[in-house]
Amino acid sequence: MSVEATESIANLRSEIDVLDERIISLLEQRTAFSLQVQRTRMREGGDRLASEREQWIVQRYADRLGDRGAQLAGLVLEMCRGNTRRAR
């Protein structure tokens, strides 16, 4: 591989790393908001989960990203429910 190609790949990977950091930060923020919604809903006598809302979110991801987007939405929702342990 040429030096130019190697440098180009390194630069692109650096940009991907920046995006990954932003995605992780946004997911952490989303989780915090999601937990606040759950607590508020439960404090008022509601259910912890709103399945209609979750279906809407999955559909939105699917509309934009296809079947894999729907899978991604499922993972995001699961993570943001707060019932999974963070692996470290």
C-alpha atoms as a PDB file:
ATOM      1  CA  MET A   1       0.000   0.000   0.000  1.00  0.00           C
ATOM      2  CA  SER A   2       1.290   3.462  -0.852  1.00  0.00           C
ATOM      3  CA  VAL A   3       2.198   6.043   1.773  1.00  0.00           C
ATOM      4  CA  GLU A   4      -0.621   8.265   0.497  1.00  0.00           C
ATOM      5  CA  ALA A   5      -3.187   5.495   0.887  1.00  0.00           C
ATOM      6  CA  THR A   6      -1.908   4.657   4.376  1.00  0.00           C
ATOM      7  CA  GLU A   7      -2.130   8.309   5.432  1.00  0.00           C
ATOM      8  CA  SER A   8      -5.584   8.660   3.883  1.00  0.00           C
ATOM      9  CA  ILE A   9      -6.833   5.589   5.745  1.00  0.00           C
ATOM     10  CA  ALA A  10      -5.333   6.883   9.007  1.00  0.00           C
ATOM     11  CA  ASN A  11      -7.091  10.231   8.541  1.00  0.00           C
ATOM     12  CA  LEU A  12     -10.408   8.593   7.741  1.00  0.00           C
ATOM     13  CA  ARG A  13     -10.104   6.295  10.756  1.00  0.00           C
ATOM     14  CA  SER A  14      -9.409   9.318  12.915  1.00  0.00           C
ATOM     15  CA  GLU A  15     -12.646  10.898  11.682  1.00  0.00           C
ATOM     16  CA  ILE A  16     -14.501   7.643  12.420  1.00  0.00           C
ATOM     17  CA  ASP A  17     -13.066   7.675  15.951  1.00  0.00           C
ATOM     18  CA  VAL A  18     -14.429  11.206  16.453  1.00  0.00           C
ATOM     19  CA  LEU A  19     -17.858  10.092  15.242  1.00  0.00           C
ATOM     20  CA  ASP A  20     -17.787   7.043  17.520  1.00  0.00           C
ATOM     21  CA  GLU A  21     -17.052   9.300  20.513  1.00  0.00           C
ATOM     22  CA  ARG A  22     -20.014  11.498  19.587  1.00  0.00           C
ATOM     23  CA  ILE A  23     -22.287   8.467  19.175  1.00  0.00           C
ATOM     24  CA  ILE A  24     -21.255   7.100  22.585  1.00  0.00           C
ATOM     25  CA  SER A  25     -21.806  10.481  24.231  1.00  0.00           C
ATOM     26  CA  LEU A  26     -25.231  10.826  22.602  1.00  0.00           C
ATOM     27  CA  LEU A  27     -26.212   7.335  23.750  1.00  0.00           C
ATOM     28  CA  GLU A  28     -25.184   8.197  27.303  1.00  0.00           C
ATOM     29  CA  GLN A  29     -27.335  11.352  27.126  1.00  0.00           C
ATOM     30  CA  ARG A  30     -30.240   9.417  25.625  1.00  0.00           C
ATOM     31  CA  THR A  31     -30.031   6.858  28.420  1.00  0.00           C
ATOM     32  CA  ALA A  32     -30.149   9.590  31.075  1.00  0.00           C
ATOM     33  CA  PHE A  33     -33.224  11.201  29.500  1.00  0.00           C
ATOM     34  CA  SER A  34     -34.889   7.850  29.028  1.00  0.00           C
ATOM     35  CA  LEU A  35     -34.432   6.974  32.690  1.00  0.00           C
ATOM     36  CA  GLN A  36     -35.909  10.335  33.694  1.00  0.00           C
ATOM     37  CA  VAL A  37     -38.968   9.651  31.542  1.00  0.00           C
ATOM     38  CA  GLN A  38     -39.353   6.193  33.099  1.00  0.00           C
ATOM     39  CA  ARG A  39     -39.087   7.523  36.654  1.00  0.00           C
ATOM     40  CA  THR A  40     -41.571  10.307  35.969  1.00  0.00           C
ATOM     41  CA  ARG A  41     -44.060   7.972  34.319  1.00  0.00           C
ATOM     42  CA  MET A  42     -43.808   5.432  37.157  1.00  0.00           C
ATOM     43  CA  ARG A  43     -44.077   8.136  39.845  1.00  0.00           C
ATOM     44  CA  GLU A  44     -47.383   9.125  38.242  1.00  0.00           C
ATOM     45  CA  GLY A  45     -48.642   5.539  38.270  1.00  0.00           C
ATOM     46  CA  GLY A  46     -47.775   4.655  34.702  1.00  0.00           C
ATOM     47  CA  ASP A  47     -45.817   1.774  33.267  1.00  0.00           C
ATOM     48  CA  ARG A  48     -42.050   1.871  33.043  1.00  0.00           C
ATOM     49  CA  LEU A  49     -42.176   1.195  29.299  1.00  0.00           C
ATOM     50  CA  ALA A  50     -44.326   2.742  26.588  1.00  0.00           C
ATOM     51  CA  SER A  51     -44.563   0.047  23.918  1.00  0.00           C
ATOM     52  CA  GLU A  52     -46.365   2.293  21.426  1.00  0.00           C
ATOM     53  CA  ARG A  53     -43.563   4.853  21.688  1.00  0.00           C
ATOM     54  CA  GLU A  54     -40.936   2.117  21.295  1.00  0.00           C
ATOM     55  CA  GLN A  55     -42.663   0.791  18.177  1.00  0.00           C
ATOM     56  CA  TRP A  56     -42.652   4.299  16.724  1.00  0.00           C
ATOM     57  CA  ILE A  57     -38.915   4.632  17.417  1.00  0.00           C
ATOM     58  CA  VAL A  58     -38.128   1.262  15.816  1.00  0.00           C
ATOM     59  CA  GLN A  59     -40.157   2.223  12.758  1.00  0.00           C
ATOM     60  CA  ARG A  60     -38.360   5.554  12.468  1.00  0.00           C
ATOM     61  CA  TYR A  61     -34.975   3.833  12.501  1.00  0.00           C
ATOM     62  CA  ALA A  62     -36.217   1.232  10.012  1.00  0.00           C
ATOM     63  CA  ASP A  63     -37.539   3.927   7.686  1.00  0.00           C
ATOM     64  CA  ARG A  64     -34.178   5.661   7.619  1.00  0.00           C
ATOM     65  CA  LEU A  65     -31.781   2.718   7.912  1.00  0.00           C
ATOM     66  CA  GLY A  66     -33.680  -0.383   6.805  1.00  0.00           C
ATOM     67  CA  ASP A  67     -33.886  -3.694   8.635  1.00  0.00           C
ATOM     68  CA  ARG A  68     -30.520  -3.189  10.308  1.00  0.00           C
ATOM     69  CA  GLY A  69     -31.801   0.153  11.575  1.00  0.00           C
ATOM     70  CA  ALA A  70     -34.711  -1.607  13.250  1.00  0.00           C
ATOM     71  CA  GLN A  71     -32.239  -3.966  14.921  1.00  0.00           C
ATOM     72  CA  LEU A  72     -30.144  -1.014  16.018  1.00  0.00           C
ATOM     73  CA  ALA A  73     -33.205   0.710  17.463  1.00  0.00           C
ATOM     74  CA  GLY A  74     -33.974  -2.405  19.480  1.00  0.00           C
ATOM     75  CA  LEU A  75     -30.484  -2.385  20.935  1.00  0.00           C
ATOM     76  CA  VAL A  76     -30.620   1.333  21.691  1.00  0.00           C
ATOM     77  CA  LEU A  77     -33.975   0.954  23.424  1.00  0.00           C
ATOM     78  CA  GLU A  78     -32.773  -2.012  25.436  1.00  0.00           C
ATOM     79  CA  MET A  79     -29.682  -0.120  26.536  1.00  0.00           C
ATOM     80  CA  CYS A  80     -31.619   3.022  27.421  1.00  0.00           C
ATOM     81  CA  ARG A  81     -34.120   1.163  29.599  1.00  0.00           C
ATOM     82  CA  GLY A  82     -31.412   0.981  32.211  1.00  0.00           C
ATOM     83  CA  ASN A  83     -31.821  -2.730  32.827  1.00  0.00           C
ATOM     84  CA  THR A  84     -28.521  -3.789  31.314  1.00  0.00           C
ATOM     85  CA  ARG A  85     -25.131  -3.698  32.944  1.00  0.00           C
ATOM     86  CA  ARG A  86     -22.379  -1.613  31.476  1.00  0.00           C
ATOM     87  CA  ALA A  87     -19.453  -3.761  30.460  1.00  0.00           C
ATOM     88  CA  ARG A  88     -16.099  -2.344  31.419  1.00  0.00           C
END
